[in-house]
Amino acid sequence: MATKAMNIKMDEAKLLDIKKVASVFHMSITDVIMDALDEYLHKMKRDPFYRLTANVEEASADESAEILEEISALTDDDLKISSKKTFHV
């Protein structure tokens, strides 16, 4: 896998905290950040919202059938929009 460099900004206290943790565990700052990101992304990818929207191609046949069964059972009242969230990236 190719590796690319990226700049990020964070407050100094958080950076010092990361450096301290990294030194205790004899890790690089990059390794600490990558481990934390891996854990966070794993958690987010298990979220039903993510799995139903952004990650549909990874749903198994059983998961897809279960989702379609649940959607088919919804009534018109169930399908009404009760709230709206907007995410700006």
N, C-alpha and C. Protein backbone atom coordinates (compact mmCIF):
# COMPACT_ATOMS: atom_id res chain seq x y z
N MET A 1 0.85 -1.17 0.00
CA MET A 1 0.00 0.00 0.00
C MET A 1 0.90 1.24 0.00
N ALA A 2 0.54 2.19 -0.82
CA ALA A 2 1.32 3.43 -0.90
C ALA A 2 1.09 4.27 0.35
N THR A 3 2.12 4.97 0.74
CA THR A 3 2.04 5.86 1.90
C THR A 3 2.18 7.29 1.41
N LYS A 4 1.31 8.16 1.91
CA LYS A 4 1.36 9.56 1.55
C LYS A 4 1.49 10.40 2.81
N ALA A 5 2.14 11.53 2.68
CA ALA A 5 2.29 12.45 3.81
C ALA A 5 1.07 13.36 3.89
N MET A 6 0.75 13.79 5.12
CA MET A 6 -0.40 14.66 5.34
C MET A 6 -0.10 15.57 6.52
N ASN A 7 -0.46 16.82 6.43
CA ASN A 7 -0.29 17.75 7.55
C ASN A 7 -1.61 17.89 8.28
N ILE A 8 -1.55 17.87 9.60
CA ILE A 8 -2.74 18.13 10.41
C ILE A 8 -2.39 19.16 11.47
N LYS A 9 -3.40 19.88 11.91
CA LYS A 9 -3.19 20.86 12.97
C LYS A 9 -3.95 20.39 14.20
N MET A 10 -3.31 20.54 15.36
CA MET A 10 -3.98 20.23 16.62
C MET A 10 -3.37 21.10 17.70
N ASP A 11 -4.11 21.24 18.77
CA ASP A 11 -3.59 22.11 19.83
C ASP A 11 -2.35 21.48 20.45
N GLU A 12 -1.51 22.34 20.99
CA GLU A 12 -0.21 21.92 21.51
C GLU A 12 -0.34 20.93 22.66
N ALA A 13 -1.32 21.12 23.51
CA ALA A 13 -1.49 20.22 24.66
C ALA A 13 -1.79 18.79 24.19
N LYS A 14 -2.62 18.67 23.18
CA LYS A 14 -2.95 17.34 22.67
C LYS A 14 -1.73 16.70 22.02
N LEU A 15 -0.96 17.49 21.29
CA LEU A 15 0.25 16.97 20.66
C LEU A 15 1.25 16.49 21.70
N LEU A 16 1.41 17.27 22.77
CA LEU A 16 2.33 16.87 23.85
C LEU A 16 1.84 15.58 24.52
N ASP A 17 0.54 15.45 24.66
CA ASP A 17 -0.03 14.24 25.26
C ASP A 17 0.26 13.03 24.37
N ILE A 18 0.10 13.20 23.06
CA ILE A 18 0.39 12.10 22.13
C ILE A 18 1.87 11.73 22.20
N LYS A 19 2.74 12.74 22.25
CA LYS A 19 4.18 12.47 22.34
C LYS A 19 4.51 11.69 23.61
N LYS A 20 3.89 12.06 24.71
CA LYS A 20 4.14 11.40 25.99
C LYS A 20 3.71 9.93 25.94
N VAL A 21 2.51 9.68 25.41
CA VAL A 21 2.01 8.31 25.29
C VAL A 21 2.91 7.51 24.37
N ALA A 22 3.30 8.11 23.25
CA ALA A 22 4.16 7.41 22.29
C ALA A 22 5.49 7.02 22.92
N SER A 23 6.07 7.93 23.70
CA SER A 23 7.37 7.62 24.30
C SER A 23 7.27 6.52 25.35
N VAL A 24 6.19 6.51 26.11
CA VAL A 24 6.02 5.47 27.13
C VAL A 24 5.93 4.09 26.48
N PHE A 25 5.23 4.02 25.35
CA PHE A 25 5.05 2.74 24.68
C PHE A 25 6.08 2.49 23.58
N HIS A 26 7.09 3.35 23.51
CA HIS A 26 8.16 3.21 22.51
C HIS A 26 7.57 3.11 21.09
N MET A 27 6.65 4.03 20.81
CA MET A 27 5.99 4.09 19.51
C MET A 27 6.27 5.45 18.88
N SER A 28 6.10 5.51 17.58
CA SER A 28 6.17 6.82 16.93
C SER A 28 4.82 7.51 17.08
N ILE A 29 4.84 8.81 16.93
CA ILE A 29 3.58 9.57 16.99
C ILE A 29 2.65 9.08 15.88
N THR A 30 3.20 8.80 14.72
CA THR A 30 2.39 8.29 13.60
C THR A 30 1.69 7.00 13.99
N ASP A 31 2.43 6.08 14.65
CA ASP A 31 1.82 4.81 15.05
C ASP A 31 0.67 5.01 16.04
N VAL A 32 0.84 5.92 16.99
CA VAL A 32 -0.24 6.20 17.95
C VAL A 32 -1.47 6.73 17.23
N ILE A 33 -1.25 7.68 16.34
CA ILE A 33 -2.37 8.28 15.61
C ILE A 33 -3.03 7.24 14.70
N MET A 34 -2.22 6.45 14.00
CA MET A 34 -2.79 5.44 13.10
C MET A 34 -3.58 4.38 13.87
N ASP A 35 -3.08 3.95 15.02
CA ASP A 35 -3.82 2.98 15.84
C ASP A 35 -5.16 3.57 16.28
N ALA A 36 -5.14 4.82 16.72
CA ALA A 36 -6.37 5.47 17.16
C ALA A 36 -7.35 5.62 16.00
N LEU A 37 -6.85 6.00 14.83
CA LEU A 37 -7.72 6.13 13.65
C LEU A 37 -8.29 4.79 13.23
N ASP A 38 -7.48 3.75 13.25
CA ASP A 38 -7.98 2.41 12.90
C ASP A 38 -9.12 2.00 13.81
N GLU A 39 -8.95 2.22 15.11
CA GLU A 39 -9.98 1.86 16.08
C GLU A 39 -11.25 2.68 15.85
N TYR A 40 -11.10 3.99 15.63
CA TYR A 40 -12.25 4.86 15.42
C TYR A 40 -12.98 4.51 14.12
N LEU A 41 -12.23 4.29 13.05
CA LEU A 41 -12.87 3.95 11.77
C LEU A 41 -13.58 2.61 11.85
N HIS A 42 -13.00 1.64 12.56
CA HIS A 42 -13.65 0.35 12.74
C HIS A 42 -15.00 0.54 13.45
N LYS A 43 -15.01 1.36 14.48
CA LYS A 43 -16.25 1.64 15.22
C LYS A 43 -17.28 2.33 14.32
N MET A 44 -16.84 3.32 13.57
CA MET A 44 -17.76 4.07 12.71
C MET A 44 -18.32 3.20 11.58
N LYS A 45 -17.52 2.30 11.05
CA LYS A 45 -17.97 1.45 9.96
C LYS A 45 -18.98 0.41 10.42
N ARG A 46 -19.04 0.13 11.72
CA ARG A 46 -20.06 -0.77 12.26
C ARG A 46 -21.39 -0.06 12.47
N ASP A 47 -21.39 1.27 12.46
CA ASP A 47 -22.60 2.05 12.67
C ASP A 47 -23.62 1.75 11.57
N PRO A 48 -24.89 1.49 11.91
CA PRO A 48 -25.90 1.18 10.90
C PRO A 48 -26.04 2.26 9.83
N PHE A 49 -25.93 3.51 10.20
CA PHE A 49 -26.05 4.60 9.21
C PHE A 49 -24.99 4.46 8.14
N TYR A 50 -23.77 4.22 8.54
CA TYR A 50 -22.68 4.05 7.58
C TYR A 50 -22.93 2.83 6.70
N ARG A 51 -23.30 1.73 7.32
CA ARG A 51 -23.48 0.50 6.57
C ARG A 51 -24.63 0.60 5.58
N LEU A 52 -25.65 1.41 5.89
CA LEU A 52 -26.80 1.54 4.98
C LEU A 52 -26.57 2.59 3.90
N THR A 53 -25.61 3.46 4.08
CA THR A 53 -25.45 4.53 3.11
C THR A 53 -24.14 4.45 2.35
N ALA A 54 -23.04 4.56 3.02
CA ALA A 54 -21.75 4.70 2.34
C ALA A 54 -21.09 3.37 2.04
N ASN A 55 -21.53 2.31 2.64
CA ASN A 55 -20.78 1.06 2.55
C ASN A 55 -21.63 -0.09 2.03
N VAL A 56 -22.62 0.22 1.22
CA VAL A 56 -23.56 -0.80 0.78
C VAL A 56 -22.88 -1.93 0.02
N GLU A 57 -21.83 -1.61 -0.74
CA GLU A 57 -21.17 -2.64 -1.53
C GLU A 57 -20.53 -3.72 -0.67
N GLU A 58 -20.34 -3.47 0.63
CA GLU A 58 -19.74 -4.47 1.50
C GLU A 58 -20.76 -5.28 2.29
N ALA A 59 -22.05 -5.01 2.07
CA ALA A 59 -23.08 -5.76 2.78
C ALA A 59 -23.15 -7.17 2.20
N SER A 60 -23.29 -8.16 3.08
CA SER A 60 -23.41 -9.54 2.62
C SER A 60 -24.80 -9.76 2.05
N ALA A 61 -24.99 -10.88 1.38
CA ALA A 61 -26.31 -11.19 0.82
C ALA A 61 -27.36 -11.30 1.92
N ASP A 62 -26.98 -11.89 3.05
CA ASP A 62 -27.92 -12.01 4.18
C ASP A 62 -28.27 -10.64 4.75
N GLU A 63 -27.26 -9.77 4.89
CA GLU A 63 -27.52 -8.42 5.40
C GLU A 63 -28.42 -7.65 4.44
N SER A 64 -28.17 -7.74 3.15
CA SER A 64 -28.99 -7.05 2.15
C SER A 64 -30.43 -7.55 2.20
N ALA A 65 -30.62 -8.86 2.31
CA ALA A 65 -31.97 -9.43 2.39
C ALA A 65 -32.68 -8.95 3.65
N GLU A 66 -31.96 -8.90 4.75
CA GLU A 66 -32.55 -8.43 6.01
C GLU A 66 -32.96 -6.96 5.91
N ILE A 67 -32.11 -6.14 5.30
CA ILE A 67 -32.42 -4.72 5.13
C ILE A 67 -33.64 -4.55 4.24
N LEU A 68 -33.69 -5.29 3.12
CA LEU A 68 -34.82 -5.19 2.20
C LEU A 68 -36.11 -5.66 2.86
N GLU A 69 -36.02 -6.69 3.68
CA GLU A 69 -37.20 -7.18 4.40
C GLU A 69 -37.72 -6.11 5.36
N GLU A 70 -36.81 -5.46 6.09
CA GLU A 70 -37.22 -4.41 7.02
C GLU A 70 -37.83 -3.22 6.28
N ILE A 71 -37.22 -2.83 5.17
CA ILE A 71 -37.74 -1.70 4.40
C ILE A 71 -39.12 -2.02 3.83
N SER A 72 -39.30 -3.24 3.33
CA SER A 72 -40.59 -3.64 2.75
C SER A 72 -41.71 -3.63 3.78
N ALA A 73 -41.37 -3.85 5.03
CA ALA A 73 -42.38 -3.91 6.09
C ALA A 73 -42.78 -2.52 6.60
N LEU A 74 -42.10 -1.47 6.16
CA LEU A 74 -42.41 -0.13 6.64
C LEU A 74 -43.71 0.39 6.05
N THR A 75 -44.48 1.11 6.87
CA THR A 75 -45.71 1.74 6.40
C THR A 75 -45.41 3.16 5.93
N ASP A 76 -46.41 3.82 5.34
CA ASP A 76 -46.22 5.21 4.90
C ASP A 76 -45.86 6.11 6.07
N ASP A 77 -46.45 5.85 7.24
CA ASP A 77 -46.12 6.65 8.43
C ASP A 77 -44.67 6.44 8.84
N ASP A 78 -44.20 5.21 8.72
CA ASP A 78 -42.80 4.92 9.06
C ASP A 78 -41.83 5.66 8.13
N LEU A 79 -42.26 5.87 6.90
CA LEU A 79 -41.38 6.47 5.90
C LEU A 79 -41.40 8.00 5.91
N LYS A 80 -42.28 8.61 6.72
CA LYS A 80 -42.30 10.06 6.81
C LYS A 80 -40.99 10.56 7.42
N ILE A 81 -40.53 11.68 6.92
CA ILE A 81 -39.31 12.28 7.47
C ILE A 81 -39.67 12.96 8.78
N SER A 82 -39.08 12.47 9.85
CA SER A 82 -39.38 13.04 11.17
C SER A 82 -38.31 14.03 11.61
N SER A 83 -37.14 13.93 11.03
CA SER A 83 -36.08 14.88 11.34
C SER A 83 -35.12 14.92 10.17
N LYS A 84 -34.32 15.94 10.15
CA LYS A 84 -33.36 16.12 9.06
C LYS A 84 -32.04 16.58 9.66
N LYS A 85 -30.96 15.98 9.22
CA LYS A 85 -29.63 16.39 9.68
C LYS A 85 -28.80 16.73 8.45
N THR A 86 -28.07 17.80 8.53
CA THR A 86 -27.20 18.21 7.45
C THR A 86 -25.77 18.16 7.93
N PHE A 87 -24.92 17.54 7.16
CA PHE A 87 -23.51 17.42 7.49
C PHE A 87 -22.71 18.22 6.47
N HIS A 88 -21.88 19.12 6.94
CA HIS A 88 -21.03 19.88 6.06
C HIS A 88 -19.61 19.38 6.19
N VAL A 89 -19.02 19.09 5.07
CA VAL A 89 -17.65 18.57 5.07
C VAL A 89 -16.73 19.62 4.47
